[in-house]
Amino acid sequence: MQHKSTGNPREAGRGRHASIPLGDSKQTAQQDIAARNPAPVDSPPAPPRQHLTPGEPHKPKRLATELGIESPNGSPYRPSRSNPNVHYLSGDILARPLDLPRRERIGLYLAIAIAVVISGVFLYFFLDATANAPARELEKMEESLARDVSLDLPDMVSLLGLDDAAIDAKLKETGATFFERKPAGTAEPYEIIKLPQDVTLLQAGELYALGVSKLTAPQAALLLNGSWDLNIERKNGINMSLHYADFKSGSLDNAITNALVAENLAQNGEPDRGEDDGYGNAYATGSLAAADKNYTWTVSACPLKQIYSVAGLPDDAVYVGIRIKSA
């Protein structure tokens, strides 16, 4: 029986669909969709999506392991209190114990022990230098002053009639050790230093090169105790001067008296004495006659520390000068 169209599109549509088998219609639709959206060639399959259960934290262990921030609970994140699907970096790693490994602890303890030992050594030498060094310097100086040495002052009056070469020869006949600062026979005034018996020329040269004022108290006592300096100028007659350090007299007056006796200058009676010769020195003065010529002499004394600024020398040490010159 032939179906007749009524002119209604819906009925016409129903009539067409009704004439197509169901299986053929589904296959035809799939082919049409595939034609419109062709699959990419050689496209790798997409990885399956990871579905999280609400409240379950995400655990990117590879990232945590590489960064070294994996927390004790196995995750570098913590869930949000308001939304369990939102996670923040966990601060659990900051609460871990800060204990050093055993090897590092041993090395640290060893370094501390070495530092303590070194500090102790430095502290010992520092305290020894500040507390004990002055006592040792004083002991050495006292030993230098207690040495069995003598001044053996030259007889200045007997040298007045001699020239420099004869004076030099007469002094060296005594067998003492001399340091010639300005030898005889030169254009400069003659100057010679008699050294203590136990001081060599090499030692004296080294000490004088440093400068007496720059020596330590033991060095200065070693060099000055038992030595004297003779200087002779020959302009307008003769001007002979002798200087030495007196560690035994104990006062300026005693040092002057002992010098007068040693040089036999008080033979003409008591000399004139004074407290200030214009340079702040105590003094005694007088005159004498020798080799048919007249001379004046002066013995002066002042504290040794006014001449040499050496810390530690005795306060009662005296610097003595004896001068004889043509009248």
Protein backbone atom coordinates (compact mmCIF):
# COMPACT_ATOMS: atom_id res chain seq x y z
CA MET A 1 0.00 0.00 0.00
CA GLN A 2 1.49 3.39 -0.98
CA HIS A 3 1.73 6.16 1.68
CA LYS A 4 0.42 9.52 0.68
CA SER A 5 1.97 12.80 1.83
CA THR A 6 -0.25 15.20 3.70
CA GLY A 7 2.06 18.21 3.10
CA ASN A 8 3.05 18.48 6.81
CA PRO A 9 6.80 18.63 7.18
CA ARG A 10 6.76 16.85 10.52
CA GLU A 11 4.84 14.06 9.03
CA ALA A 12 7.19 14.05 6.07
CA GLY A 13 10.16 13.91 8.46
CA ARG A 14 8.66 11.17 10.47
CA GLY A 15 7.98 9.36 7.29
CA ARG A 16 11.66 9.62 6.17
CA HIS A 17 13.12 8.59 9.53
CA ALA A 18 10.73 5.84 9.80
CA SER A 19 11.94 4.45 6.49
CA ILE A 20 15.69 4.27 7.72
CA PRO A 21 16.71 1.37 9.87
CA LEU A 22 17.94 2.29 13.46
CA GLY A 23 21.34 0.72 13.15
CA ASP A 24 22.16 2.46 9.92
CA SER A 25 21.16 5.86 11.36
CA LYS A 26 23.61 5.60 14.35
CA GLN A 27 26.49 4.56 12.16
CA THR A 28 25.77 7.36 9.71
CA ALA A 29 25.84 9.97 12.56
CA GLN A 30 29.18 8.74 13.88
CA GLN A 31 30.71 8.91 10.43
CA ASP A 32 29.43 12.43 9.98
CA ILE A 33 31.01 13.56 13.32
CA ALA A 34 34.30 11.87 12.46
CA ALA A 35 34.39 13.60 9.10
CA ARG A 36 33.92 17.01 10.71
CA ASN A 37 36.54 16.40 13.48
CA PRO A 38 39.36 14.29 12.07
CA ALA A 39 41.70 12.79 14.68
CA PRO A 40 45.33 14.15 14.62
CA VAL A 41 47.84 11.92 12.95
CA ASP A 42 50.31 10.16 15.24
CA SER A 43 48.97 12.08 18.27
CA PRO A 44 49.88 10.33 21.52
CA PRO A 45 47.04 9.43 23.76
CA ALA A 46 46.29 11.94 26.51
CA PRO A 47 47.22 10.78 29.99
CA PRO A 48 44.35 9.93 32.22
CA ARG A 49 43.31 12.73 34.54
CA GLN A 50 43.98 12.33 38.19
CA HIS A 51 40.86 12.64 40.25
CA LEU A 52 41.32 13.75 43.83
CA THR A 53 38.99 12.73 46.55
CA PRO A 54 37.92 15.74 48.64
CA GLY A 55 40.29 16.11 51.60
CA GLU A 56 43.08 14.04 50.03
CA PRO A 57 46.30 16.11 49.65
CA HIS A 58 48.18 16.15 46.39
CA LYS A 59 51.62 14.49 46.73
CA PRO A 60 54.14 15.60 44.13
CA LYS A 61 56.91 13.49 45.69
CA ARG A 62 59.36 14.05 42.86
CA LEU A 63 59.27 17.84 43.31
CA ALA A 64 59.50 17.48 47.07
CA THR A 65 62.47 15.11 46.83
CA GLU A 66 64.36 17.27 44.32
CA LEU A 67 63.87 20.44 46.33
CA GLY A 68 64.59 18.73 49.62
CA ILE A 69 61.52 20.18 51.28
CA GLU A 70 59.52 17.04 51.88
CA SER A 71 57.89 17.29 55.28
CA PRO A 72 57.58 14.47 57.82
CA ASN A 73 54.07 13.63 56.63
CA GLY A 74 55.36 12.97 53.08
CA SER A 75 53.93 16.12 51.48
CA PRO A 76 55.33 19.62 51.04
CA TYR A 77 51.80 21.03 51.24
CA ARG A 78 49.05 21.31 53.81
CA PRO A 79 45.33 21.58 53.02
CA SER A 80 43.41 24.77 53.58
CA ARG A 81 41.03 24.75 56.50
CA SER A 82 38.32 26.50 54.53
CA ASN A 83 38.70 24.50 51.32
CA PRO A 84 40.21 20.98 51.46
CA ASN A 85 40.99 21.11 47.75
CA VAL A 86 43.33 24.13 48.21
CA HIS A 87 46.83 23.31 49.56
CA TYR A 88 49.60 25.54 50.85
CA LEU A 89 53.31 24.91 51.42
CA SER A 90 53.72 23.10 54.71
CA GLY A 91 55.87 24.58 57.49
CA ASP A 92 56.46 21.22 59.15
CA ILE A 93 59.97 21.10 57.70
CA LEU A 94 60.93 24.16 59.77
CA ALA A 95 60.06 22.33 62.98
CA ARG A 96 62.48 19.47 62.40
CA PRO A 97 65.40 19.03 64.89
CA LEU A 98 68.54 21.05 64.04
CA ASP A 99 71.01 18.42 65.26
CA LEU A 100 74.31 18.12 63.36
CA PRO A 101 75.40 14.73 62.10
CA ARG A 102 77.85 12.88 64.34
CA ARG A 103 80.89 13.48 62.12
CA GLU A 104 80.20 17.21 61.91
CA ARG A 105 79.71 17.38 65.69
CA ILE A 106 83.07 15.71 66.30
CA GLY A 107 84.77 18.13 63.90
CA LEU A 108 83.10 21.11 65.58
CA TYR A 109 84.14 19.96 69.07
CA LEU A 110 87.70 19.43 67.84
CA ALA A 111 87.83 22.93 66.32
CA ILE A 112 86.52 24.43 69.57
CA ALA A 113 89.14 22.54 71.60
CA ILE A 114 91.95 23.77 69.32
CA ALA A 115 90.66 27.35 69.55
CA VAL A 116 90.55 27.13 73.35
CA VAL A 117 94.15 25.85 73.50
CA ILE A 118 95.42 28.57 71.15
CA SER A 119 93.56 31.25 73.10
CA GLY A 120 95.02 29.94 76.34
CA VAL A 121 98.55 30.11 74.94
CA PHE A 122 98.09 33.67 73.72
CA LEU A 123 96.52 34.66 77.04
CA TYR A 124 99.46 33.16 78.94
CA PHE A 125 102.04 35.08 76.91
CA PHE A 126 99.99 38.28 77.15
CA LEU A 127 99.68 38.06 80.92
CA ASP A 128 103.33 37.07 81.21
CA ALA A 129 104.38 40.07 79.13
CA THR A 130 102.22 42.52 81.07
CA ALA A 131 102.65 41.18 84.60
CA ASN A 132 105.99 39.36 84.72
CA ALA A 133 108.10 41.14 82.10
CA PRO A 134 108.68 44.29 84.21
CA ALA A 135 109.80 42.15 87.15
CA ARG A 136 112.23 40.26 84.93
CA GLU A 137 113.59 43.52 83.49
CA LEU A 138 114.14 44.87 87.01
CA GLU A 139 115.94 41.70 88.02
CA LYS A 140 118.22 41.86 84.98
CA MET A 141 119.00 45.52 85.63
CA GLU A 142 119.88 44.83 89.25
CA GLU A 143 122.19 42.05 88.10
CA SER A 144 123.90 44.48 85.70
CA LEU A 145 124.37 47.04 88.46
CA ALA A 146 125.68 44.42 90.90
CA ARG A 147 128.48 43.38 88.51
CA ASP A 148 132.01 43.63 89.84
CA VAL A 149 133.14 46.46 87.57
CA SER A 150 135.10 49.61 88.30
CA LEU A 151 135.20 53.00 86.63
CA ASP A 152 139.00 53.33 86.60
CA LEU A 153 138.74 57.03 85.82
CA PRO A 154 141.77 58.48 84.02
CA ASP A 155 144.00 61.00 85.77
CA MET A 156 142.92 64.04 83.79
CA VAL A 157 145.50 66.40 85.26
CA SER A 158 148.35 64.16 84.11
CA LEU A 159 147.01 64.22 80.53
CA LEU A 160 146.94 68.00 80.16
CA GLY A 161 150.51 68.27 78.81
CA LEU A 162 150.13 65.45 76.22
CA ASP A 163 148.89 65.52 72.65
CA ASP A 164 146.04 63.31 71.46
CA ALA A 165 148.22 60.49 70.19
CA ALA A 166 150.15 60.32 73.48
CA ILE A 167 146.92 60.39 75.48
CA ASP A 168 145.50 57.57 73.33
CA ALA A 169 148.61 55.44 73.87
CA LYS A 170 148.67 56.06 77.61
CA LEU A 171 145.02 55.09 78.01
CA LYS A 172 145.43 51.87 76.06
CA GLU A 173 148.39 50.85 78.20
CA THR A 174 145.91 50.10 80.97
CA GLY A 175 144.59 47.06 79.04
CA ALA A 176 140.99 48.27 79.15
CA THR A 177 138.68 47.88 76.16
CA PHE A 178 138.01 51.13 74.30
CA PHE A 179 135.52 52.19 71.71
CA GLU A 180 137.01 54.97 69.56
CA ARG A 181 134.26 57.25 68.39
CA LYS A 182 136.68 59.84 66.95
CA PRO A 183 140.22 58.47 66.75
CA ALA A 184 143.31 60.55 67.46
CA GLY A 185 144.98 62.26 64.53
CA THR A 186 141.81 63.24 62.70
CA ALA A 187 140.47 66.72 62.08
CA GLU A 188 137.67 66.16 64.57
CA PRO A 189 138.07 66.44 68.35
CA TYR A 190 139.45 63.28 69.93
CA GLU A 191 136.79 61.14 71.65
CA ILE A 192 137.18 57.70 73.19
CA ILE A 193 134.94 55.54 75.37
CA LYS A 194 136.22 53.11 77.97
CA LEU A 195 133.93 50.04 78.11
CA PRO A 196 133.05 47.92 81.13
CA GLN A 197 135.30 44.89 81.60
CA ASP A 198 132.60 42.39 80.58
CA VAL A 199 131.34 44.21 77.46
CA THR A 200 132.90 43.48 74.06
CA LEU A 201 133.44 45.91 71.22
CA LEU A 202 130.78 44.12 69.19
CA GLN A 203 128.22 44.42 71.97
CA ALA A 204 129.05 48.08 72.55
CA GLY A 205 128.85 48.88 68.85
CA GLU A 206 125.39 47.32 68.57
CA LEU A 207 124.11 49.15 71.65
CA TYR A 208 125.54 52.54 70.68
CA ALA A 209 124.11 52.10 67.17
CA LEU A 210 120.64 51.80 68.71
CA GLY A 211 121.10 54.87 70.87
CA VAL A 212 121.36 54.79 74.66
CA SER A 213 117.93 56.37 75.17
CA LYS A 214 116.32 53.58 73.13
CA LEU A 215 117.84 50.77 75.19
CA THR A 216 116.05 48.80 77.88
CA ALA A 217 117.04 49.39 81.48
CA PRO A 218 119.17 46.19 81.66
CA GLN A 219 120.94 47.10 78.41
CA ALA A 220 121.61 50.67 79.55
CA ALA A 221 122.90 49.48 82.92
CA LEU A 222 125.16 46.95 81.21
CA LEU A 223 126.64 49.64 78.95
CA LEU A 224 126.86 52.58 81.36
CA ASN A 225 127.94 50.92 84.59
CA GLY A 226 131.75 50.94 84.50
CA SER A 227 132.22 53.09 81.38
CA TRP A 228 133.24 56.67 80.74
CA ASP A 229 133.58 59.03 77.78
CA LEU A 230 136.63 61.32 77.29
CA ASN A 231 136.48 64.21 74.81
CA ILE A 232 139.30 66.66 74.02
CA GLU A 233 139.04 69.88 71.98
CA ARG A 234 142.09 72.05 71.21
CA LYS A 235 140.73 75.42 70.20
CA ASN A 236 142.13 78.33 72.22
CA GLY A 237 144.07 75.96 74.43
CA ILE A 238 142.61 72.70 75.68
CA ASN A 239 139.10 71.75 76.72
CA MET A 240 139.03 68.27 78.24
CA SER A 241 135.76 66.75 79.47
CA LEU A 242 134.93 63.42 81.09
CA HIS A 243 131.40 62.00 81.53
CA TYR A 244 130.12 58.88 83.25
CA ALA A 245 127.13 57.41 85.10
CA ASP A 246 127.40 57.01 88.86
CA PHE A 247 125.13 54.25 90.24
CA LYS A 248 126.72 54.09 93.70
CA SER A 249 126.88 57.58 95.22
CA GLY A 250 123.12 57.90 95.66
CA SER A 251 122.91 61.72 95.53
CA LEU A 252 124.23 64.66 93.55
CA ASP A 253 126.42 66.01 96.39
CA ASN A 254 127.99 62.61 97.06
CA ALA A 255 128.64 62.09 93.36
CA ILE A 256 130.43 65.46 93.14
CA THR A 257 132.50 64.75 96.25
CA ASN A 258 133.56 61.33 94.95
CA ALA A 259 134.55 62.86 91.60
CA LEU A 260 136.69 65.50 93.32
CA VAL A 261 138.50 62.80 95.28
CA ALA A 262 139.00 60.53 92.23
CA GLU A 263 140.58 63.34 90.18
CA ASN A 264 142.38 64.96 93.13
CA LEU A 265 140.83 68.34 92.36
CA ALA A 266 140.27 69.49 95.96
CA GLN A 267 143.98 69.74 96.81
CA ASN A 268 143.85 73.53 96.92
CA GLY A 269 141.12 73.66 99.55
CA GLU A 270 137.37 73.45 99.54
CA PRO A 271 135.96 74.41 96.11
CA ASP A 272 133.02 76.65 95.47
CA ARG A 273 129.72 74.75 95.27
CA GLY A 274 126.34 75.64 93.86
CA GLU A 275 122.94 74.17 93.10
CA ASP A 276 122.53 75.48 89.55
CA ASP A 277 125.27 76.14 87.02
CA GLY A 278 122.83 77.66 84.54
CA TYR A 279 121.84 74.28 83.13
CA GLY A 280 120.08 72.95 86.22
CA ASN A 281 123.10 71.01 87.50
CA ALA A 282 124.66 70.97 90.94
CA TYR A 283 128.32 71.84 90.67
CA ALA A 284 131.68 72.52 92.24
CA THR A 285 134.35 74.68 90.65
CA GLY A 286 137.99 75.64 91.21
CA SER A 287 141.36 76.20 89.55
CA LEU A 288 144.71 74.46 89.28
CA ALA A 289 148.15 74.80 87.74
CA ALA A 290 149.82 72.05 85.70
CA ALA A 291 152.76 72.04 83.26
CA ASP A 292 153.36 75.74 83.92
CA LYS A 293 149.84 76.59 82.81
CA ASN A 294 146.68 77.58 84.63
CA TYR A 295 143.39 75.81 84.24
CA THR A 296 139.88 76.00 85.63
CA TRP A 297 137.79 72.96 86.39
CA THR A 298 134.14 72.23 87.03
CA VAL A 299 132.44 69.14 88.34
CA SER A 300 128.69 69.04 87.68
CA ALA A 301 126.01 66.43 88.35
CA CYS A 302 122.37 65.86 87.49
CA PRO A 303 119.95 62.94 87.62
CA LEU A 304 120.80 60.34 84.99
CA LYS A 305 117.18 60.24 83.76
CA GLN A 306 117.56 63.85 82.55
CA ILE A 307 120.24 62.71 80.11
CA TYR A 308 118.89 59.31 79.05
CA SER A 309 115.15 58.70 78.96
CA VAL A 310 115.40 55.01 79.82
CA ALA A 311 112.50 53.72 81.87
CA GLY A 312 113.45 51.53 84.82
CA LEU A 313 116.86 52.96 85.69
CA PRO A 314 117.35 53.80 89.39
CA ASP A 315 116.02 57.21 90.40
CA ASP A 316 119.18 57.95 92.39
CA ALA A 317 121.53 57.30 89.46
CA VAL A 318 123.67 60.38 88.71
CA TYR A 319 125.24 61.68 85.54
CA VAL A 320 128.62 63.30 86.30
CA GLY A 321 130.67 65.62 84.14
CA ILE A 322 134.24 66.83 84.81
CA ARG A 323 135.67 69.61 82.70
CA ILE A 324 139.18 71.08 82.73
CA LYS A 325 140.04 73.86 80.35
CA SER A 326 142.69 76.46 79.79
CA ALA A 327 142.26 79.59 81.91
